[in-house]
Amino acid sequence: MKTKNTKPKRNAVKQKCGLCGKARQLTETECCANWICDDEDKYVAFSYARNSCHRNHSHYTLCAYHHNEGHSGNWQACTACENDFETEMYVWYGTNEYNFTKLSNPPVYEPTKCTGCGIVIDLANDGYSEDNKQYFCEECGYRRMKQRLARASDSEN
């Protein structure tokens, strides 16, 4: 009697990163138990690069924030999370590409404008400074800093 030379069937589903799709060197997120690249070692300190799936999810999502703060329930319905951020940042943290699940009905907000010149500042991506709930673009912030330093220098003399 002849036997067939068959390969065993693989029933296991290959895990992949829910953000980028890669299937190597994965870990499970603590906050939502999704598979993600175990790649935080690629991040260079103070570079502000966004080249790590794991770091991006853990630093730039409401999902991770909600978990890290120990809030209860679902992050999408958490009023504590919503109150902890400016509305613009709350929306960004809940809808950016680093989320596995996005905020389905984000609140509407007015864009943030520079108090000095009036240009729109994207709080998630642009450089800016903040002083007493006023926002300044990089150029206006630099100008204000120079003026303050000059006044401080004049008052010492």
C-alpha atoms as a PDB file:
ATOM      1  CA  MET A   1       0.000   0.000   0.000  1.00  0.00           C
ATOM      2  CA  LYS A   2       1.312   3.426  -0.956  1.00  0.00           C
ATOM      3  CA  THR A   3       1.130   6.414   1.383  1.00  0.00           C
ATOM      4  CA  LYS A   4       0.747   9.977   0.290  1.00  0.00           C
ATOM      5  CA  ASN A   5       3.490  12.366   1.121  1.00  0.00           C
ATOM      6  CA  THR A   6       1.435  15.286   2.402  1.00  0.00           C
ATOM      7  CA  LYS A   7       2.478  18.408   4.186  1.00  0.00           C
ATOM      8  CA  PRO A   8       0.665  19.232   7.389  1.00  0.00           C
ATOM      9  CA  LYS A   9      -1.947  21.951   7.002  1.00  0.00           C
ATOM     10  CA  ARG A  10      -1.239  25.148   8.806  1.00  0.00           C
ATOM     11  CA  ASN A  11      -4.251  26.461  10.627  1.00  0.00           C
ATOM     12  CA  ALA A  12      -2.358  29.146  12.489  1.00  0.00           C
ATOM     13  CA  VAL A  13      -3.004  32.688  11.329  1.00  0.00           C
ATOM     14  CA  LYS A  14       0.180  34.672  10.851  1.00  0.00           C
ATOM     15  CA  GLN A  15       0.118  37.702  13.133  1.00  0.00           C
ATOM     16  CA  LYS A  16       1.008  41.090  11.692  1.00  0.00           C
ATOM     17  CA  CYS A  17       1.313  44.650  12.943  1.00  0.00           C
ATOM     18  CA  GLY A  18      -2.092  46.291  12.896  1.00  0.00           C
ATOM     19  CA  LEU A  19      -0.523  49.599  11.895  1.00  0.00           C
ATOM     20  CA  CYS A  20       2.066  48.837   9.192  1.00  0.00           C
ATOM     21  CA  GLY A  21       1.322  45.191   8.305  1.00  0.00           C
ATOM     22  CA  LYS A  22       4.789  43.779   8.994  1.00  0.00           C
ATOM     23  CA  ALA A  23       4.832  40.234  10.371  1.00  0.00           C
ATOM     24  CA  ARG A  24       8.241  40.104  12.082  1.00  0.00           C
ATOM     25  CA  GLN A  25       9.348  41.065  15.594  1.00  0.00           C
ATOM     26  CA  LEU A  26       5.897  41.739  17.050  1.00  0.00           C
ATOM     27  CA  THR A  27       4.593  42.351  20.519  1.00  0.00           C
ATOM     28  CA  GLU A  28       1.146  42.821  21.966  1.00  0.00           C
ATOM     29  CA  THR A  29       0.072  46.265  23.198  1.00  0.00           C
ATOM     30  CA  GLU A  30      -0.708  46.514  26.908  1.00  0.00           C
ATOM     31  CA  CYS A  31      -3.625  48.865  26.325  1.00  0.00           C
ATOM     32  CA  CYS A  32      -5.669  47.071  23.676  1.00  0.00           C
ATOM     33  CA  ALA A  33      -3.956  43.692  23.093  1.00  0.00           C
ATOM     34  CA  ASN A  34      -3.302  44.372  19.398  1.00  0.00           C
ATOM     35  CA  TRP A  35      -0.241  43.080  17.589  1.00  0.00           C
ATOM     36  CA  ILE A  36       2.307  45.767  16.844  1.00  0.00           C
ATOM     37  CA  CYS A  37       5.957  46.040  15.770  1.00  0.00           C
ATOM     38  CA  ASP A  38       8.352  45.649  18.689  1.00  0.00           C
ATOM     39  CA  ASP A  39      10.501  48.463  17.341  1.00  0.00           C
ATOM     40  CA  GLU A  40      10.971  51.127  20.007  1.00  0.00           C
ATOM     41  CA  ASP A  41      14.706  50.471  19.826  1.00  0.00           C
ATOM     42  CA  LYS A  42      14.704  52.249  16.437  1.00  0.00           C
ATOM     43  CA  TYR A  43      13.715  55.545  18.042  1.00  0.00           C
ATOM     44  CA  VAL A  44      16.562  57.996  18.680  1.00  0.00           C
ATOM     45  CA  ALA A  45      16.009  60.002  21.857  1.00  0.00           C
ATOM     46  CA  PHE A  46      14.938  63.631  21.311  1.00  0.00           C
ATOM     47  CA  SER A  47      14.679  63.125  17.544  1.00  0.00           C
ATOM     48  CA  TYR A  48      10.855  63.293  17.658  1.00  0.00           C
ATOM     49  CA  ALA A  49      10.895  60.818  14.760  1.00  0.00           C
ATOM     50  CA  ARG A  50       7.717  58.858  14.217  1.00  0.00           C
ATOM     51  CA  ASN A  51       9.380  55.723  12.852  1.00  0.00           C
ATOM     52  CA  SER A  52       8.281  53.253  15.545  1.00  0.00           C
ATOM     53  CA  CYS A  53       4.817  51.689  15.431  1.00  0.00           C
ATOM     54  CA  HIS A  54       4.985  50.744  19.112  1.00  0.00           C
ATOM     55  CA  ARG A  55       6.194  54.162  20.287  1.00  0.00           C
ATOM     56  CA  ASN A  56       3.709  55.994  18.076  1.00  0.00           C
ATOM     57  CA  HIS A  57       0.783  54.036  19.507  1.00  0.00           C
ATOM     58  CA  SER A  58       1.996  54.322  23.093  1.00  0.00           C
ATOM     59  CA  HIS A  59       2.767  58.072  22.887  1.00  0.00           C
ATOM     60  CA  TYR A  60       0.216  59.460  20.444  1.00  0.00           C
ATOM     61  CA  THR A  61      -3.136  57.744  21.073  1.00  0.00           C
ATOM     62  CA  LEU A  62      -5.994  58.096  23.520  1.00  0.00           C
ATOM     63  CA  CYS A  63      -6.053  54.291  23.726  1.00  0.00           C
ATOM     64  CA  ALA A  64      -2.622  54.164  25.384  1.00  0.00           C
ATOM     65  CA  TYR A  65      -3.208  57.356  27.405  1.00  0.00           C
ATOM     66  CA  HIS A  66      -6.482  55.971  28.792  1.00  0.00           C
ATOM     67  CA  HIS A  67      -4.732  52.735  29.795  1.00  0.00           C
ATOM     68  CA  ASN A  68      -1.670  54.456  31.285  1.00  0.00           C
ATOM     69  CA  GLU A  69      -3.816  56.812  33.362  1.00  0.00           C
ATOM     70  CA  GLY A  70      -5.793  53.845  34.735  1.00  0.00           C
ATOM     71  CA  HIS A  71      -9.142  55.139  33.503  1.00  0.00           C
ATOM     72  CA  SER A  72     -11.979  52.645  33.500  1.00  0.00           C
ATOM     73  CA  GLY A  73     -14.245  51.662  30.640  1.00  0.00           C
ATOM     74  CA  ASN A  74     -13.830  52.328  26.950  1.00  0.00           C
ATOM     75  CA  TRP A  75     -11.467  55.142  25.928  1.00  0.00           C
ATOM     76  CA  GLN A  76     -13.890  56.332  23.235  1.00  0.00           C
ATOM     77  CA  ALA A  77     -16.473  57.218  25.898  1.00  0.00           C
ATOM     78  CA  CYS A  78     -14.083  58.459  28.605  1.00  0.00           C
ATOM     79  CA  THR A  79     -14.901  62.016  29.693  1.00  0.00           C
ATOM     80  CA  ALA A  80     -11.715  62.179  31.773  1.00  0.00           C
ATOM     81  CA  CYS A  81      -9.631  61.645  28.625  1.00  0.00           C
ATOM     82  CA  GLU A  82     -11.664  64.237  26.743  1.00  0.00           C
ATOM     83  CA  ASN A  83     -11.185  66.799  29.526  1.00  0.00           C
ATOM     84  CA  ASP A  84      -7.429  66.208  29.772  1.00  0.00           C
ATOM     85  CA  PHE A  85      -6.662  67.729  26.347  1.00  0.00           C
ATOM     86  CA  GLU A  86      -7.414  70.741  24.209  1.00  0.00           C
ATOM     87  CA  THR A  87     -10.188  69.617  21.838  1.00  0.00           C
ATOM     88  CA  GLU A  88      -7.836  69.790  18.836  1.00  0.00           C
ATOM     89  CA  MET A  89      -5.356  67.442  20.482  1.00  0.00           C
ATOM     90  CA  TYR A  90      -8.091  65.145  21.794  1.00  0.00           C
ATOM     91  CA  VAL A  91      -9.367  64.736  18.232  1.00  0.00           C
ATOM     92  CA  TRP A  92      -5.861  64.147  16.866  1.00  0.00           C
ATOM     93  CA  TYR A  93      -4.971  61.580  19.565  1.00  0.00           C
ATOM     94  CA  GLY A  94      -8.233  59.761  18.811  1.00  0.00           C
ATOM     95  CA  THR A  95      -8.158  59.814  15.014  1.00  0.00           C
ATOM     96  CA  ASN A  96      -4.522  59.703  13.863  1.00  0.00           C
ATOM     97  CA  GLU A  97      -2.899  56.836  11.946  1.00  0.00           C
ATOM     98  CA  TYR A  98      -1.388  55.343  15.120  1.00  0.00           C
ATOM     99  CA  ASN A  99      -4.776  54.072  16.314  1.00  0.00           C
ATOM    100  CA  PHE A 100      -6.155  50.593  15.721  1.00  0.00           C
ATOM    101  CA  THR A 101      -9.650  51.930  16.345  1.00  0.00           C
ATOM    102  CA  LYS A 102     -10.419  55.576  15.722  1.00  0.00           C
ATOM    103  CA  LEU A 103     -12.778  57.925  17.503  1.00  0.00           C
ATOM    104  CA  SER A 104     -15.943  57.556  15.443  1.00  0.00           C
ATOM    105  CA  ASN A 105     -17.591  60.881  16.177  1.00  0.00           C
ATOM    106  CA  PRO A 106     -14.893  63.427  17.087  1.00  0.00           C
ATOM    107  CA  PRO A 107     -16.016  66.820  18.368  1.00  0.00           C
ATOM    108  CA  VAL A 108     -15.761  69.861  16.119  1.00  0.00           C
ATOM    109  CA  TYR A 109     -13.248  72.538  17.087  1.00  0.00           C
ATOM    110  CA  GLU A 110     -11.959  75.864  15.857  1.00  0.00           C
ATOM    111  CA  PRO A 111      -8.368  75.660  14.589  1.00  0.00           C
ATOM    112  CA  THR A 112      -5.731  77.116  16.886  1.00  0.00           C
ATOM    113  CA  LYS A 113      -4.374  80.449  15.658  1.00  0.00           C
ATOM    114  CA  CYS A 114      -1.216  82.294  16.588  1.00  0.00           C
ATOM    115  CA  THR A 115      -1.993  85.135  18.969  1.00  0.00           C
ATOM    116  CA  GLY A 116       0.767  87.181  17.335  1.00  0.00           C
ATOM    117  CA  CYS A 117       0.088  86.888  13.597  1.00  0.00           C
ATOM    118  CA  GLY A 118      -3.115  84.858  13.268  1.00  0.00           C
ATOM    119  CA  ILE A 119      -1.820  81.932  11.183  1.00  0.00           C
ATOM    120  CA  VAL A 120      -3.276  78.503  11.909  1.00  0.00           C
ATOM    121  CA  ILE A 121      -1.090  76.301  14.118  1.00  0.00           C
ATOM    122  CA  ASP A 122      -1.464  72.523  13.842  1.00  0.00           C
ATOM    123  CA  LEU A 123      -0.851  71.606  17.490  1.00  0.00           C
ATOM    124  CA  ALA A 124       0.009  67.996  16.630  1.00  0.00           C
ATOM    125  CA  ASN A 125       2.645  68.804  14.028  1.00  0.00           C
ATOM    126  CA  ASP A 126       3.791  72.423  14.114  1.00  0.00           C
ATOM    127  CA  GLY A 127       6.283  74.070  16.413  1.00  0.00           C
ATOM    128  CA  TYR A 128       4.751  76.625  18.753  1.00  0.00           C
ATOM    129  CA  SER A 129       4.981  78.105  22.223  1.00  0.00           C
ATOM    130  CA  GLU A 130       2.223  78.629  24.736  1.00  0.00           C
ATOM    131  CA  ASP A 131       1.928  81.348  27.329  1.00  0.00           C
ATOM    132  CA  ASN A 132      -1.091  81.748  29.586  1.00  0.00           C
ATOM    133  CA  LYS A 133      -3.411  79.876  27.174  1.00  0.00           C
ATOM    134  CA  GLN A 134      -2.152  81.907  24.228  1.00  0.00           C
ATOM    135  CA  TYR A 135      -0.422  80.122  21.359  1.00  0.00           C
ATOM    136  CA  PHE A 136       2.403  81.573  19.272  1.00  0.00           C
ATOM    137  CA  CYS A 137       3.852  80.193  16.027  1.00  0.00           C
ATOM    138  CA  GLU A 138       7.602  79.580  16.010  1.00  0.00           C
ATOM    139  CA  GLU A 139       8.370  82.957  14.455  1.00  0.00           C
ATOM    140  CA  CYS A 140       6.220  84.975  16.860  1.00  0.00           C
ATOM    141  CA  GLY A 141       7.405  82.906  19.818  1.00  0.00           C
ATOM    142  CA  TYR A 142      11.026  83.561  18.895  1.00  0.00           C
ATOM    143  CA  ARG A 143      10.318  87.282  18.520  1.00  0.00           C
ATOM    144  CA  ARG A 144       8.621  87.380  21.957  1.00  0.00           C
ATOM    145  CA  MET A 145      11.547  85.539  23.536  1.00  0.00           C
ATOM    146  CA  LYS A 146      14.030  88.043  22.070  1.00  0.00           C
ATOM    147  CA  GLN A 147      11.907  90.967  23.346  1.00  0.00           C
ATOM    148  CA  ARG A 148      11.723  89.476  26.842  1.00  0.00           C
ATOM    149  CA  LEU A 149      15.462  88.854  26.927  1.00  0.00           C
ATOM    150  CA  ALA A 150      16.130  92.429  25.774  1.00  0.00           C
ATOM    151  CA  ARG A 151      13.810  93.836  28.489  1.00  0.00           C
ATOM    152  CA  ALA A 152      15.465  91.661  31.132  1.00  0.00           C
ATOM    153  CA  SER A 153      18.905  92.815  29.972  1.00  0.00           C
ATOM    154  CA  ASP A 154      17.805  96.489  30.012  1.00  0.00           C
ATOM    155  CA  SER A 155      16.393  96.182  33.532  1.00  0.00           C
ATOM    156  CA  GLU A 156      19.710  94.768  34.800  1.00  0.00           C
ATOM    157  CA  ASN A 157      21.612  97.802  33.474  1.00  0.00           C
END
